[in-house]
């Protein structure tokens, strides 16, 4: 069994409150979870309005499958108009 971790830093342009940020991030997390069947959580910058860091985890028996799924998650986020993808990293454990 292998696990893949993806750390994704986001910038939320035009967000003016934590309430607005949380609404956007919560919706994004739910869409990612439903579409890709991965675990997702906001792991840093909870008190910053325009920054967020998501942690995404995927478990499989093939590293190729994990990389493919996590890259699809990154591509999905990159196409979301609400957030700007600042940086990401993928790690296989």
PDB file of N, CA and C in Angstrom:
ATOM      1  N   UNK A   1       0.841  -1.179   0.000  1.00  0.00           N
ATOM      2  CA  UNK A   1       0.000   0.000   0.000  1.00  0.00           C
ATOM      3  C   UNK A   1       0.884   1.240   0.000  1.00  0.00           C
ATOM      4  N   UNK A   2       0.520   2.198  -0.847  1.00  0.00           N
ATOM      5  CA  UNK A   2       1.250   3.457  -0.952  1.00  0.00           C
ATOM      6  C   UNK A   2       0.297   4.612  -0.667  1.00  0.00           C
ATOM      7  N   UNK A   3       0.845   5.706  -0.183  1.00  0.00           N
ATOM      8  CA  UNK A   3       0.061   6.916   0.062  1.00  0.00           C
ATOM      9  C   UNK A   3       0.717   8.072  -0.669  1.00  0.00           C
ATOM     10  N   UNK A   4      -0.112   8.923  -1.220  1.00  0.00           N
ATOM     11  CA  UNK A   4       0.380  10.125  -1.886  1.00  0.00           C
ATOM     12  C   UNK A   4      -0.156  11.353  -1.184  1.00  0.00           C
ATOM     13  N   UNK A   5       0.722  12.329  -1.016  1.00  0.00           N
ATOM     14  CA  UNK A   5       0.341  13.581  -0.379  1.00  0.00           C
ATOM     15  C   UNK A   5       0.594  14.724  -1.337  1.00  0.00           C
ATOM     16  N   UNK A   6      -0.345  15.620  -1.417  1.00  0.00           N
ATOM     17  CA  UNK A   6      -0.199  16.801  -2.258  1.00  0.00           C
ATOM     18  C   UNK A   6      -0.472  18.026  -1.396  1.00  0.00           C
ATOM     19  N   UNK A   7       0.474  18.936  -1.384  1.00  0.00           N
ATOM     20  CA  UNK A   7       0.340  20.192  -0.663  1.00  0.00           C
ATOM     21  C   UNK A   7       0.106  21.287  -1.699  1.00  0.00           C
ATOM     22  N   UNK A   8      -0.984  22.040  -1.540  1.00  0.00           N
ATOM     23  CA  UNK A   8      -1.393  23.019  -2.553  1.00  0.00           C
ATOM     24  C   UNK A   8      -1.594  24.382  -1.886  1.00  0.00           C
ATOM     25  N   UNK A   9      -0.812  25.372  -2.339  1.00  0.00           N
ATOM     26  CA  UNK A   9      -0.965  26.733  -1.832  1.00  0.00           C
ATOM     27  C   UNK A   9      -1.831  27.529  -2.793  1.00  0.00           C
ATOM     28  N   UNK A  10      -2.794  28.249  -2.221  1.00  0.00           N
ATOM     29  CA  UNK A  10      -3.746  29.007  -3.018  1.00  0.00           C
ATOM     30  C   UNK A  10      -3.740  30.477  -2.621  1.00  0.00           C
ATOM     31  N   UNK A  11      -4.031  31.308  -3.592  1.00  0.00           N
ATOM     32  CA  UNK A  11      -4.241  32.734  -3.353  1.00  0.00           C
ATOM     33  C   UNK A  11      -5.678  33.042  -3.762  1.00  0.00           C
ATOM     34  N   UNK A  12      -6.397  33.743  -2.893  1.00  0.00           N
ATOM     35  CA  UNK A  12      -7.803  34.069  -3.145  1.00  0.00           C
ATOM     36  C   UNK A  12      -7.903  35.566  -3.379  1.00  0.00           C
ATOM     37  N   UNK A  13      -7.849  35.953  -4.631  1.00  0.00           N
ATOM     38  CA  UNK A  13      -7.884  37.363  -5.026  1.00  0.00           C
ATOM     39  C   UNK A  13      -9.268  37.941  -4.776  1.00  0.00           C
ATOM     40  N   UNK A  14      -9.320  39.114  -4.168  1.00  0.00           N
ATOM     41  CA  UNK A  14     -10.574  39.806  -3.979  1.00  0.00           C
ATOM     42  C   UNK A  14     -11.384  39.387  -2.777  1.00  0.00           C
ATOM     43  N   UNK A  15     -10.902  38.444  -1.992  1.00  0.00           N
ATOM     44  CA  UNK A  15     -11.616  38.017  -0.796  1.00  0.00           C
ATOM     45  C   UNK A  15     -11.422  39.075   0.290  1.00  0.00           C
ATOM     46  N   UNK A  16     -12.510  39.472   0.947  1.00  0.00           N
ATOM     47  CA  UNK A  16     -12.429  40.560   1.922  1.00  0.00           C
ATOM     48  C   UNK A  16     -12.744  40.145   3.352  1.00  0.00           C
ATOM     49  N   UNK A  17     -13.020  38.856   3.577  1.00  0.00           N
ATOM     50  CA  UNK A  17     -13.308  38.408   4.939  1.00  0.00           C
ATOM     51  C   UNK A  17     -13.003  36.919   5.077  1.00  0.00           C
ATOM     52  N   UNK A  18     -12.817  36.499   6.324  1.00  0.00           N
ATOM     53  CA  UNK A  18     -12.602  35.075   6.582  1.00  0.00           C
ATOM     54  C   UNK A  18     -13.856  34.265   6.256  1.00  0.00           C
ATOM     55  N   UNK A  19     -15.010  34.854   6.459  1.00  0.00           N
ATOM     56  CA  UNK A  19     -16.268  34.162   6.144  1.00  0.00           C
ATOM     57  C   UNK A  19     -16.345  33.842   4.656  1.00  0.00           C
ATOM     58  N   UNK A  20     -15.988  34.792   3.823  1.00  0.00           N
ATOM     59  CA  UNK A  20     -15.996  34.575   2.383  1.00  0.00           C
ATOM     60  C   UNK A  20     -14.962  33.534   1.974  1.00  0.00           C
ATOM     61  N   UNK A  21     -13.777  33.617   2.580  1.00  0.00           N
ATOM     62  CA  UNK A  21     -12.720  32.631   2.287  1.00  0.00           C
ATOM     63  C   UNK A  21     -13.184  31.228   2.653  1.00  0.00           C
ATOM     64  N   UNK A  22     -13.753  31.082   3.846  1.00  0.00           N
ATOM     65  CA  UNK A  22     -14.192  29.761   4.300  1.00  0.00           C
ATOM     66  C   UNK A  22     -15.281  29.186   3.408  1.00  0.00           C
ATOM     67  N   UNK A  23     -16.161  30.038   2.911  1.00  0.00           N
ATOM     68  CA  UNK A  23     -17.205  29.572   1.989  1.00  0.00           C
ATOM     69  C   UNK A  23     -16.586  29.018   0.713  1.00  0.00           C
ATOM     70  N   UNK A  24     -15.624  29.738   0.158  1.00  0.00           N
ATOM     71  CA  UNK A  24     -14.963  29.305  -1.080  1.00  0.00           C
ATOM     72  C   UNK A  24     -14.180  28.020  -0.858  1.00  0.00           C
ATOM     73  N   UNK A  25     -13.386  27.976   0.218  1.00  0.00           N
ATOM     74  CA  UNK A  25     -12.539  26.806   0.494  1.00  0.00           C
ATOM     75  C   UNK A  25     -13.396  25.587   0.817  1.00  0.00           C
ATOM     76  N   UNK A  26     -14.432  25.753   1.617  1.00  0.00           N
ATOM     77  CA  UNK A  26     -15.301  24.624   1.956  1.00  0.00           C
ATOM     78  C   UNK A  26     -15.944  24.032   0.707  1.00  0.00           C
ATOM     79  N   UNK A  27     -16.416  24.891  -0.185  1.00  0.00           N
ATOM     80  CA  UNK A  27     -17.015  24.432  -1.438  1.00  0.00           C
ATOM     81  C   UNK A  27     -15.985  23.702  -2.300  1.00  0.00           C
ATOM     82  N   UNK A  28     -14.792  24.257  -2.398  1.00  0.00           N
ATOM     83  CA  UNK A  28     -13.733  23.634  -3.196  1.00  0.00           C
ATOM     84  C   UNK A  28     -13.351  22.270  -2.638  1.00  0.00           C
ATOM     85  N   UNK A  29     -13.187  22.187  -1.321  1.00  0.00           N
ATOM     86  CA  UNK A  29     -12.846  20.912  -0.681  1.00  0.00           C
ATOM     87  C   UNK A  29     -13.916  19.858  -0.964  1.00  0.00           C
ATOM     88  N   UNK A  30     -15.179  20.231  -0.848  1.00  0.00           N
ATOM     89  CA  UNK A  30     -16.268  19.281  -1.098  1.00  0.00           C
ATOM     90  C   UNK A  30     -16.285  18.805  -2.544  1.00  0.00           C
ATOM     91  N   UNK A  31     -16.078  19.722  -3.489  1.00  0.00           N
ATOM     92  CA  UNK A  31     -16.054  19.339  -4.906  1.00  0.00           C
ATOM     93  C   UNK A  31     -14.889  18.399  -5.205  1.00  0.00           C
ATOM     94  N   UNK A  32     -13.719  18.669  -4.637  1.00  0.00           N
ATOM     95  CA  UNK A  32     -12.553  17.798  -4.852  1.00  0.00           C
ATOM     96  C   UNK A  32     -12.832  16.416  -4.277  1.00  0.00           C
ATOM     97  N   UNK A  33     -13.339  16.367  -3.062  1.00  0.00           N
ATOM     98  CA  UNK A  33     -13.619  15.076  -2.418  1.00  0.00           C
ATOM     99  C   UNK A  33     -14.637  14.263  -3.221  1.00  0.00           C
ATOM    100  N   UNK A  34     -15.704  14.913  -3.649  1.00  0.00           N
ATOM    101  CA  UNK A  34     -16.750  14.202  -4.397  1.00  0.00           C
ATOM    102  C   UNK A  34     -16.273  13.723  -5.761  1.00  0.00           C
ATOM    103  N   UNK A  35     -15.466  14.522  -6.424  1.00  0.00           N
ATOM    104  CA  UNK A  35     -15.043  14.195  -7.787  1.00  0.00           C
ATOM    105  C   UNK A  35     -13.915  13.159  -7.841  1.00  0.00           C
ATOM    106  N   UNK A  36     -12.960  13.244  -6.897  1.00  0.00           N
ATOM    107  CA  UNK A  36     -11.763  12.400  -6.976  1.00  0.00           C
ATOM    108  C   UNK A  36     -11.660  11.354  -5.873  1.00  0.00           C
ATOM    109  N   UNK A  37     -12.578  11.349  -4.911  1.00  0.00           N
ATOM    110  CA  UNK A  37     -12.574  10.392  -3.802  1.00  0.00           C
ATOM    111  C   UNK A  37     -11.230  10.398  -3.063  1.00  0.00           C
ATOM    112  N   UNK A  38     -10.764  11.579  -2.709  1.00  0.00           N
ATOM    113  CA  UNK A  38      -9.536  11.751  -1.933  1.00  0.00           C
ATOM    114  C   UNK A  38      -9.876  12.489  -0.640  1.00  0.00           C
ATOM    115  N   UNK A  39      -8.967  12.442   0.314  1.00  0.00           N
ATOM    116  CA  UNK A  39      -9.142  13.202   1.552  1.00  0.00           C
ATOM    117  C   UNK A  39      -8.528  14.579   1.355  1.00  0.00           C
ATOM    118  N   UNK A  40      -9.250  15.616   1.774  1.00  0.00           N
ATOM    119  CA  UNK A  40      -8.799  16.991   1.587  1.00  0.00           C
ATOM    120  C   UNK A  40      -9.066  17.778   2.868  1.00  0.00           C
ATOM    121  N   UNK A  41      -8.107  18.639   3.237  1.00  0.00           N
ATOM    122  CA  UNK A  41      -8.297  19.507   4.398  1.00  0.00           C
ATOM    123  C   UNK A  41      -7.497  20.785   4.211  1.00  0.00           C
ATOM    124  N   UNK A  42      -7.987  21.860   4.808  1.00  0.00           N
ATOM    125  CA  UNK A  42      -7.209  23.092   4.864  1.00  0.00           C
ATOM    126  C   UNK A  42      -6.221  22.917   6.011  1.00  0.00           C
ATOM    127  N   UNK A  43      -4.922  23.020   5.719  1.00  0.00           N
ATOM    128  CA  UNK A  43      -3.902  22.684   6.709  1.00  0.00           C
ATOM    129  C   UNK A  43      -3.093  23.872   7.220  1.00  0.00           C
ATOM    130  N   UNK A  44      -3.154  25.013   6.556  1.00  0.00           N
ATOM    131  CA  UNK A  44      -2.425  26.204   7.003  1.00  0.00           C
ATOM    132  C   UNK A  44      -3.174  27.456   6.592  1.00  0.00           C
ATOM    133  N   UNK A  45      -2.755  28.577   7.183  1.00  0.00           N
ATOM    134  CA  UNK A  45      -3.259  29.920   6.847  1.00  0.00           C
ATOM    135  C   UNK A  45      -4.757  30.078   7.129  1.00  0.00           C
ATOM    136  N   UNK A  46      -5.261  29.405   8.150  1.00  0.00           N
ATOM    137  CA  UNK A  46      -6.683  29.507   8.452  1.00  0.00           C
ATOM    138  C   UNK A  46      -7.112  30.927   8.835  1.00  0.00           C
ATOM    139  N   UNK A  47      -6.201  31.731   9.364  1.00  0.00           N
ATOM    140  CA  UNK A  47      -6.547  33.087   9.805  1.00  0.00           C
ATOM    141  C   UNK A  47      -6.197  34.171   8.797  1.00  0.00           C
ATOM    142  N   UNK A  48      -5.787  33.793   7.602  1.00  0.00           N
ATOM    143  CA  UNK A  48      -5.465  34.761   6.552  1.00  0.00           C
ATOM    144  C   UNK A  48      -6.596  34.796   5.536  1.00  0.00           C
ATOM    145  N   UNK A  49      -6.991  35.979   5.115  1.00  0.00           N
ATOM    146  CA  UNK A  49      -8.108  36.122   4.192  1.00  0.00           C
ATOM    147  C   UNK A  49      -7.817  35.609   2.798  1.00  0.00           C
ATOM    148  N   UNK A  50      -6.638  35.911   2.287  1.00  0.00           N
ATOM    149  CA  UNK A  50      -6.373  35.642   0.874  1.00  0.00           C
ATOM    150  C   UNK A  50      -5.379  34.509   0.628  1.00  0.00           C
ATOM    151  N   UNK A  51      -5.090  33.724   1.638  1.00  0.00           N
ATOM    152  CA  UNK A  51      -4.192  32.588   1.460  1.00  0.00           C
ATOM    153  C   UNK A  51      -4.834  31.335   2.026  1.00  0.00           C
ATOM    154  N   UNK A  52      -4.514  30.219   1.419  1.00  0.00           N
ATOM    155  CA  UNK A  52      -4.974  28.927   1.927  1.00  0.00           C
ATOM    156  C   UNK A  52      -3.981  27.859   1.489  1.00  0.00           C
ATOM    157  N   UNK A  53      -3.860  26.843   2.305  1.00  0.00           N
ATOM    158  CA  UNK A  53      -3.033  25.691   1.939  1.00  0.00           C
ATOM    159  C   UNK A  53      -3.872  24.445   2.182  1.00  0.00           C
ATOM    160  N   UNK A  54      -4.021  23.650   1.120  1.00  0.00           N
ATOM    161  CA  UNK A  54      -4.774  22.410   1.210  1.00  0.00           C
ATOM    162  C   UNK A  54      -3.836  21.222   1.229  1.00  0.00           C
ATOM    163  N   UNK A  55      -4.201  20.212   1.991  1.00  0.00           N
ATOM    164  CA  UNK A  55      -3.510  18.934   1.970  1.00  0.00           C
ATOM    165  C   UNK A  55      -4.451  17.909   1.368  1.00  0.00           C
ATOM    166  N   UNK A  56      -3.946  17.169   0.395  1.00  0.00           N
ATOM    167  CA  UNK A  56      -4.749  16.155  -0.291  1.00  0.00           C
ATOM    168  C   UNK A  56      -4.034  14.819  -0.143  1.00  0.00           C
ATOM    169  N   UNK A  57      -4.764  13.787   0.245  1.00  0.00           N
ATOM    170  CA  UNK A  57      -4.175  12.457   0.430  1.00  0.00           C
ATOM    171  C   UNK A  57      -4.923  11.433  -0.418  1.00  0.00           C
ATOM    172  N   UNK A  58      -4.136  10.506  -0.984  1.00  0.00           N
ATOM    173  CA  UNK A  58      -4.684   9.444  -1.826  1.00  0.00           C
ATOM    174  C   UNK A  58      -3.939   8.149  -1.498  1.00  0.00           C
ATOM    175  N   UNK A  59      -4.666   7.059  -1.399  1.00  0.00           N
ATOM    176  CA  UNK A  59      -4.066   5.759  -1.097  1.00  0.00           C
ATOM    177  C   UNK A  59      -4.363   4.806  -2.249  1.00  0.00           C
ATOM    178  N   UNK A  60      -3.334   4.048  -2.656  1.00  0.00           N
ATOM    179  CA  UNK A  60      -3.497   3.076  -3.734  1.00  0.00           C
ATOM    180  C   UNK A  60      -2.366   2.057  -3.641  1.00  0.00           C
ATOM    181  N   UNK A  61      -2.418   1.054  -4.488  1.00  0.00           N
ATOM    182  CA  UNK A  61      -1.331   0.085  -4.526  1.00  0.00           C
ATOM    183  C   UNK A  61      -0.337   0.378  -5.646  1.00  0.00           C
ATOM    184  N   UNK A  62      -0.587   1.432  -6.435  1.00  0.00           N
ATOM    185  CA  UNK A  62       0.321   1.815  -7.520  1.00  0.00           C
ATOM    186  C   UNK A  62       0.651   3.299  -7.436  1.00  0.00           C
ATOM    187  N   UNK A  63       1.930   3.615  -7.470  1.00  0.00           N
ATOM    188  CA  UNK A  63       2.346   5.019  -7.397  1.00  0.00           C
ATOM    189  C   UNK A  63       1.921   5.795  -8.647  1.00  0.00           C
ATOM    190  N   UNK A  64       1.864   5.116  -9.793  1.00  0.00           N
ATOM    191  CA  UNK A  64       1.437   5.764 -11.029  1.00  0.00           C
ATOM    192  C   UNK A  64      -0.006   6.268 -10.906  1.00  0.00           C
ATOM    193  N   UNK A  65      -0.870   5.462 -10.315  1.00  0.00           N
ATOM    194  CA  UNK A  65      -2.266   5.850 -10.114  1.00  0.00           C
ATOM    195  C   UNK A  65      -2.362   7.038  -9.159  1.00  0.00           C
ATOM    196  N   UNK A  66      -1.590   7.019  -8.083  1.00  0.00           N
ATOM    197  CA  UNK A  66      -1.601   8.117  -7.114  1.00  0.00           C
ATOM    198  C   UNK A  66      -1.172   9.419  -7.782  1.00  0.00           C
ATOM    199  N   UNK A  67      -0.092   9.373  -8.524  1.00  0.00           N
ATOM    200  CA  UNK A  67       0.396  10.575  -9.217  1.00  0.00           C
ATOM    201  C   UNK A  67      -0.642  11.105 -10.192  1.00  0.00           C
ATOM    202  N   UNK A  68      -1.290  10.207 -10.900  1.00  0.00           N
ATOM    203  CA  UNK A  68      -2.310  10.601 -11.875  1.00  0.00           C
ATOM    204  C   UNK A  68      -3.486  11.300 -11.182  1.00  0.00           C
ATOM    205  N   UNK A  69      -3.980  10.728 -10.096  1.00  0.00           N
ATOM    206  CA  UNK A  69      -5.116  11.299  -9.376  1.00  0.00           C
ATOM    207  C   UNK A  69      -4.749  12.663  -8.791  1.00  0.00           C
ATOM    208  N   UNK A  70      -3.591  12.748  -8.146  1.00  0.00           N
ATOM    209  CA  UNK A  70      -3.196  14.012  -7.530  1.00  0.00           C
ATOM    210  C   UNK A  70      -2.935  15.089  -8.585  1.00  0.00           C
ATOM    211  N   UNK A  71      -2.405  14.716  -9.722  1.00  0.00           N
ATOM    212  CA  UNK A  71      -2.202  15.696 -10.789  1.00  0.00           C
ATOM    213  C   UNK A  71      -3.544  16.175 -11.344  1.00  0.00           C
ATOM    214  N   UNK A  72      -4.525  15.284 -11.405  1.00  0.00           N
ATOM    215  CA  UNK A  72      -5.869  15.682 -11.833  1.00  0.00           C
ATOM    216  C   UNK A  72      -6.487  16.669 -10.848  1.00  0.00           C
ATOM    217  N   UNK A  73      -6.247  16.460  -9.554  1.00  0.00           N
ATOM    218  CA  UNK A  73      -6.734  17.395  -8.533  1.00  0.00           C
ATOM    219  C   UNK A  73      -6.109  18.767  -8.744  1.00  0.00           C
ATOM    220  N   UNK A  74      -4.799  18.807  -8.972  1.00  0.00           N
ATOM    221  CA  UNK A  74      -4.096  20.073  -9.208  1.00  0.00           C
ATOM    222  C   UNK A  74      -4.652  20.758 -10.453  1.00  0.00           C
ATOM    223  N   UNK A  75      -4.853  20.011 -11.518  1.00  0.00           N
ATOM    224  CA  UNK A  75      -5.406  20.574 -12.753  1.00  0.00           C
ATOM    225  C   UNK A  75      -6.822  21.121 -12.535  1.00  0.00           C
ATOM    226  N   UNK A  76      -7.623  20.409 -11.752  1.00  0.00           N
ATOM    227  CA  UNK A  76      -8.972  20.855 -11.435  1.00  0.00           C
ATOM    228  C   UNK A  76      -8.943  22.186 -10.684  1.00  0.00           C
ATOM    229  N   UNK A  77      -8.085  22.291  -9.681  1.00  0.00           N
ATOM    230  CA  UNK A  77      -7.958  23.524  -8.906  1.00  0.00           C
ATOM    231  C   UNK A  77      -7.461  24.660  -9.793  1.00  0.00           C
ATOM    232  N   UNK A  78      -6.539  24.350 -10.683  1.00  0.00           N
ATOM    233  CA  UNK A  78      -5.976  25.368 -11.570  1.00  0.00           C
ATOM    234  C   UNK A  78      -7.048  25.972 -12.488  1.00  0.00           C
ATOM    235  N   UNK A  79      -8.097  25.213 -12.778  1.00  0.00           N
ATOM    236  CA  UNK A  79      -9.177  25.701 -13.636  1.00  0.00           C
ATOM    237  C   UNK A  79     -10.280  26.432 -12.862  1.00  0.00           C
ATOM    238  N   UNK A  80     -10.219  26.419 -11.533  1.00  0.00           N
ATOM    239  CA  UNK A  80     -11.244  27.077 -10.718  1.00  0.00           C
ATOM    240  C   UNK A  80     -11.040  28.580 -10.734  1.00  0.00           C
ATOM    241  N   UNK A  81     -12.065  29.335 -11.100  1.00  0.00           N
ATOM    242  CA  UNK A  81     -11.914  30.790 -11.197  1.00  0.00           C
ATOM    243  C   UNK A  81     -11.847  31.492  -9.835  1.00  0.00           C
ATOM    244  N   UNK A  82     -12.295  30.846  -8.759  1.00  0.00           N
ATOM    245  CA  UNK A  82     -12.322  31.475  -7.443  1.00  0.00           C
ATOM    246  C   UNK A  82     -10.947  31.585  -6.801  1.00  0.00           C
ATOM    247  N   UNK A  83     -10.018  30.715  -7.197  1.00  0.00           N
ATOM    248  CA  UNK A  83      -8.701  30.656  -6.548  1.00  0.00           C
ATOM    249  C   UNK A  83      -7.592  30.671  -7.593  1.00  0.00           C
ATOM    250  N   UNK A  84      -6.424  31.128  -7.161  1.00  0.00           N
ATOM    251  CA  UNK A  84      -5.223  31.075  -7.998  1.00  0.00           C
ATOM    252  C   UNK A  84      -4.263  30.084  -7.371  1.00  0.00           C
ATOM    253  N   UNK A  85      -3.787  29.138  -8.156  1.00  0.00           N
ATOM    254  CA  UNK A  85      -2.818  28.164  -7.687  1.00  0.00           C
ATOM    255  C   UNK A  85      -1.451  28.826  -7.594  1.00  0.00           C
ATOM    256  N   UNK A  86      -0.902  28.933  -6.383  1.00  0.00           N
ATOM    257  CA  UNK A  86       0.386  29.575  -6.180  1.00  0.00           C
ATOM    258  C   UNK A  86       1.523  28.567  -6.262  1.00  0.00           C
ATOM    259  N   UNK A  87       1.343  27.379  -5.664  1.00  0.00           N
ATOM    260  CA  UNK A  87       2.410  26.380  -5.640  1.00  0.00           C
ATOM    261  C   UNK A  87       1.799  25.041  -5.228  1.00  0.00           C
ATOM    262  N   UNK A  88       2.465  23.962  -5.601  1.00  0.00           N
ATOM    263  CA  UNK A  88       2.039  22.648  -5.147  1.00  0.00           C
ATOM    264  C   UNK A  88       3.219  21.685  -5.158  1.00  0.00           C
ATOM    265  N   UNK A  89       3.106  20.633  -4.378  1.00  0.00           N
ATOM    266  CA  UNK A  89       4.105  19.566  -4.392  1.00  0.00           C
ATOM    267  C   UNK A  89       3.384  18.237  -4.184  1.00  0.00           C
ATOM    268  N   UNK A  90       3.910  17.203  -4.824  1.00  0.00           N
ATOM    269  CA  UNK A  90       3.356  15.858  -4.697  1.00  0.00           C
ATOM    270  C   UNK A  90       4.449  14.953  -4.150  1.00  0.00           C
ATOM    271  N   UNK A  91       4.072  14.155  -3.161  1.00  0.00           N
ATOM    272  CA  UNK A  91       5.022  13.246  -2.514  1.00  0.00           C
ATOM    273  C   UNK A  91       4.380  11.869  -2.369  1.00  0.00           C
ATOM    274  N   UNK A  92       5.127  10.842  -2.710  1.00  0.00           N
ATOM    275  CA  UNK A  92       4.658   9.458  -2.552  1.00  0.00           C
ATOM    276  C   UNK A  92       5.357   8.836  -1.344  1.00  0.00           C
ATOM    277  N   UNK A  93       4.601   8.265  -0.447  1.00  0.00           N
ATOM    278  CA  UNK A  93       5.167   7.634   0.759  1.00  0.00           C
ATOM    279  C   UNK A  93       5.069   6.135   0.664  1.00  0.00           C
TER     280      UNK A  93
END
